[in-house]
Amino acid sequence: MDPINCPIDCVRAACPDPDFLEKHSTFVLTITASLSATLGIILSYLLKSRCKKIQCCGFACDRDPIELKVEGANSQPPEIRQ
């Protein structure tokens, strides 16, 4: 019996090279998660801000924030007993 001589190209034919996403899936996931978290932080800051006019990166927003009403609050300092 003659041994089969198979070049290295023949061996790799059954295993095609992985594409970009298969090679770098962790990197793409990290970048996507970082951008999503950054966008979430910015949006939560804008929701909590009391600004009436917001301008950022070419976007502008005029809004009327909800007025906070203080009910039943005592503005005097507490009494200190000795």
C-alpha atoms as a PDB file:
ATOM      1  CA  MET A   1       0.000   0.000   0.000  1.00  0.00           C
ATOM      2  CA  ASP A   2       1.214   3.400  -0.900  1.00  0.00           C
ATOM      3  CA  PRO A   3       0.936   6.116   1.732  1.00  0.00           C
ATOM      4  CA  ILE A   4      -1.290   9.000   0.723  1.00  0.00           C
ATOM      5  CA  ASN A   5       0.616  12.236   0.397  1.00  0.00           C
ATOM      6  CA  CYS A   6      -1.752  15.114   0.957  1.00  0.00           C
ATOM      7  CA  PRO A   7      -0.498  18.699   0.820  1.00  0.00           C
ATOM      8  CA  ILE A   8      -1.423  21.084   3.636  1.00  0.00           C
ATOM      9  CA  ASP A   9      -3.899  22.884   1.344  1.00  0.00           C
ATOM     10  CA  CYS A  10      -5.869  19.681   1.040  1.00  0.00           C
ATOM     11  CA  VAL A  11      -6.105  19.325   4.816  1.00  0.00           C
ATOM     12  CA  ARG A  12      -7.337  22.912   5.267  1.00  0.00           C
ATOM     13  CA  ALA A  13      -9.982  22.555   2.545  1.00  0.00           C
ATOM     14  CA  ALA A  14     -12.470  21.015   4.971  1.00  0.00           C
ATOM     15  CA  CYS A  15     -11.964  23.869   7.482  1.00  0.00           C
ATOM     16  CA  PRO A  16     -12.566  27.222   5.792  1.00  0.00           C
ATOM     17  CA  ASP A  17     -11.070  30.320   7.385  1.00  0.00           C
ATOM     18  CA  PRO A  18     -13.419  32.018   9.849  1.00  0.00           C
ATOM     19  CA  ASP A  19     -14.857  35.363   8.796  1.00  0.00           C
ATOM     20  CA  PHE A  20     -14.274  38.690  10.596  1.00  0.00           C
ATOM     21  CA  LEU A  21     -17.184  38.305  13.014  1.00  0.00           C
ATOM     22  CA  GLU A  22     -16.152  34.788  14.028  1.00  0.00           C
ATOM     23  CA  LYS A  23     -12.584  35.945  14.695  1.00  0.00           C
ATOM     24  CA  HIS A  24     -13.442  39.194  16.474  1.00  0.00           C
ATOM     25  CA  SER A  25     -16.844  38.533  18.056  1.00  0.00           C
ATOM     26  CA  THR A  26     -15.623  39.450  21.556  1.00  0.00           C
ATOM     27  CA  PHE A  27     -14.251  42.784  20.333  1.00  0.00           C
ATOM     28  CA  VAL A  28     -17.478  43.646  18.494  1.00  0.00           C
ATOM     29  CA  LEU A  29     -19.549  42.702  21.546  1.00  0.00           C
ATOM     30  CA  THR A  30     -17.345  44.835  23.828  1.00  0.00           C
ATOM     31  CA  ILE A  31     -17.562  47.895  21.568  1.00  0.00           C
ATOM     32  CA  THR A  32     -21.347  47.495  21.168  1.00  0.00           C
ATOM     33  CA  ALA A  33     -21.876  47.158  24.925  1.00  0.00           C
ATOM     34  CA  SER A  34     -19.633  50.163  25.653  1.00  0.00           C
ATOM     35  CA  LEU A  35     -21.465  52.388  23.179  1.00  0.00           C
ATOM     36  CA  SER A  36     -24.866  51.271  24.484  1.00  0.00           C
ATOM     37  CA  ALA A  37     -23.830  51.952  28.086  1.00  0.00           C
ATOM     38  CA  THR A  38     -22.483  55.383  27.155  1.00  0.00           C
ATOM     39  CA  LEU A  39     -25.691  56.261  25.335  1.00  0.00           C
ATOM     40  CA  GLY A  40     -27.732  55.065  28.329  1.00  0.00           C
ATOM     41  CA  ILE A  41     -25.722  57.212  30.728  1.00  0.00           C
ATOM     42  CA  ILE A  42     -26.142  60.288  28.513  1.00  0.00           C
ATOM     43  CA  LEU A  43     -29.890  59.746  28.147  1.00  0.00           C
ATOM     44  CA  SER A  44     -30.403  59.207  31.876  1.00  0.00           C
ATOM     45  CA  TYR A  45     -28.449  62.416  32.579  1.00  0.00           C
ATOM     46  CA  LEU A  46     -30.633  64.340  30.134  1.00  0.00           C
ATOM     47  CA  LEU A  47     -33.819  62.968  31.706  1.00  0.00           C
ATOM     48  CA  LYS A  48     -32.730  64.018  35.199  1.00  0.00           C
ATOM     49  CA  SER A  49     -31.411  67.429  34.204  1.00  0.00           C
ATOM     50  CA  ARG A  50     -33.434  70.575  34.859  1.00  0.00           C
ATOM     51  CA  CYS A  51     -32.227  72.280  31.654  1.00  0.00           C
ATOM     52  CA  LYS A  52     -34.868  73.740  29.365  1.00  0.00           C
ATOM     53  CA  LYS A  53     -32.689  73.881  26.248  1.00  0.00           C
ATOM     54  CA  ILE A  54     -30.228  71.113  25.384  1.00  0.00           C
ATOM     55  CA  GLN A  55     -27.803  71.299  22.459  1.00  0.00           C
ATOM     56  CA  CYS A  56     -25.298  68.547  21.718  1.00  0.00           C
ATOM     57  CA  CYS A  57     -23.574  67.333  18.533  1.00  0.00           C
ATOM     58  CA  GLY A  58     -25.913  69.247  16.230  1.00  0.00           C
ATOM     59  CA  PHE A  59     -29.076  68.139  18.043  1.00  0.00           C
ATOM     60  CA  ALA A  60     -31.192  70.636  19.927  1.00  0.00           C
ATOM     61  CA  CYS A  61     -34.123  70.135  22.264  1.00  0.00           C
ATOM     62  CA  ASP A  62     -36.409  72.689  23.922  1.00  0.00           C
ATOM     63  CA  ARG A  63     -38.398  71.126  26.714  1.00  0.00           C
ATOM     64  CA  ASP A  64     -40.423  71.952  29.782  1.00  0.00           C
ATOM     65  CA  PRO A  65     -39.141  69.846  32.686  1.00  0.00           C
ATOM     66  CA  ILE A  66     -41.670  68.748  35.276  1.00  0.00           C
ATOM     67  CA  GLU A  67     -41.775  71.214  38.145  1.00  0.00           C
ATOM     68  CA  LEU A  68     -41.091  69.635  41.517  1.00  0.00           C
ATOM     69  CA  LYS A  69     -43.571  70.546  44.229  1.00  0.00           C
ATOM     70  CA  VAL A  70     -42.477  70.361  47.814  1.00  0.00           C
ATOM     71  CA  GLU A  71     -45.437  69.485  49.987  1.00  0.00           C
ATOM     72  CA  GLY A  72     -45.341  69.384  53.738  1.00  0.00           C
ATOM     73  CA  ALA A  73     -41.628  70.061  53.948  1.00  0.00           C
ATOM     74  CA  ASN A  74     -40.261  72.033  56.852  1.00  0.00           C
ATOM     75  CA  SER A  75     -37.584  74.499  55.771  1.00  0.00           C
ATOM     76  CA  GLN A  76     -36.432  75.195  59.341  1.00  0.00           C
ATOM     77  CA  PRO A  77     -33.494  73.317  60.817  1.00  0.00           C
ATOM     78  CA  PRO A  78     -34.330  70.601  63.334  1.00  0.00           C
ATOM     79  CA  GLU A  79     -34.304  71.427  67.030  1.00  0.00           C
ATOM     80  CA  ILE A  80     -31.356  70.140  69.003  1.00  0.00           C
ATOM     81  CA  ARG A  81     -32.193  68.866  72.477  1.00  0.00           C
ATOM     82  CA  GLN A  82     -29.581  68.642  75.180  1.00  0.00           C
END
